[in-house]
Amino acid sequence: MRTDIAADEIALRHAPATRLVAHRDFHIRALDAQRDAPTLHRWFIEERAAFWNMRDKSVREVAVFYQDIEDSGHAQAWLGMQHGAPAFLFESYDPVHEEVGEHYDVCAGDIGMHLFVGPATTRTPGYTRRVFESLMMFLFERLGARRIVVEPDSRNTRIHALNRAMGFTYAKDVTFREKTASLAFCTRADFYAAIAQDN
């Protein structure tokens, strides 16, 4: 397994910025707000998307929201593809420019992340974990993160378990304007140590 990870790391470091980045079952590309909004809207209206806080948005509002992210200059949305079909969405951002940056001392190399996994076409054991590993490798190896920061809703127990399995260390709960967030961090070393334990 470590050999496979090393090969993926090399491929990610040298992948041109305009190309898709591959890891295992997935390819990751920049989100196209207008083209991808209908797909995201279908995902977001599902009951399981309650913590994403987008269930009441129209397709147009979803497109505007993600275009604003693209235009921000400090954040980016990405779409993970599996066999040519959208599989998951994640957002990367500079914590200095976001609410989370008000609650801790941001360090150089910190990248914030939000993840939304779309409905799987075929349910397979460990699917969400493979998604998470793929985007974490992308953040560390392609975007150059030194540490990844997350701030999920404190009530979202499923994501907390997955975060911890990926090597995140929880620091504290903080009060955001729209939620109580659990602030957690993961270094490159902690991530690779965590996934090595299971392989």
Foldseek 3Di string as FASTA:
>chain_A
DVVLLVVLLVQQQPPDPQDWRDDDQKTKDFDQLLVCLVVVLVQCLDPVNVQVVCNPPDSVRSSVVQVCQVVVVFKTKMFIDGPRHTFKIKMKGQLCPDPVCVPDPDDPQEIEMDIDTGDDPDDDPCPVLVVVLVVVSCCCRNVPHQKYKYWGAPPPVVVVVSCVLQQKDWDAWDDDPVGTTTIIMHGPVRRVVSVVVVD
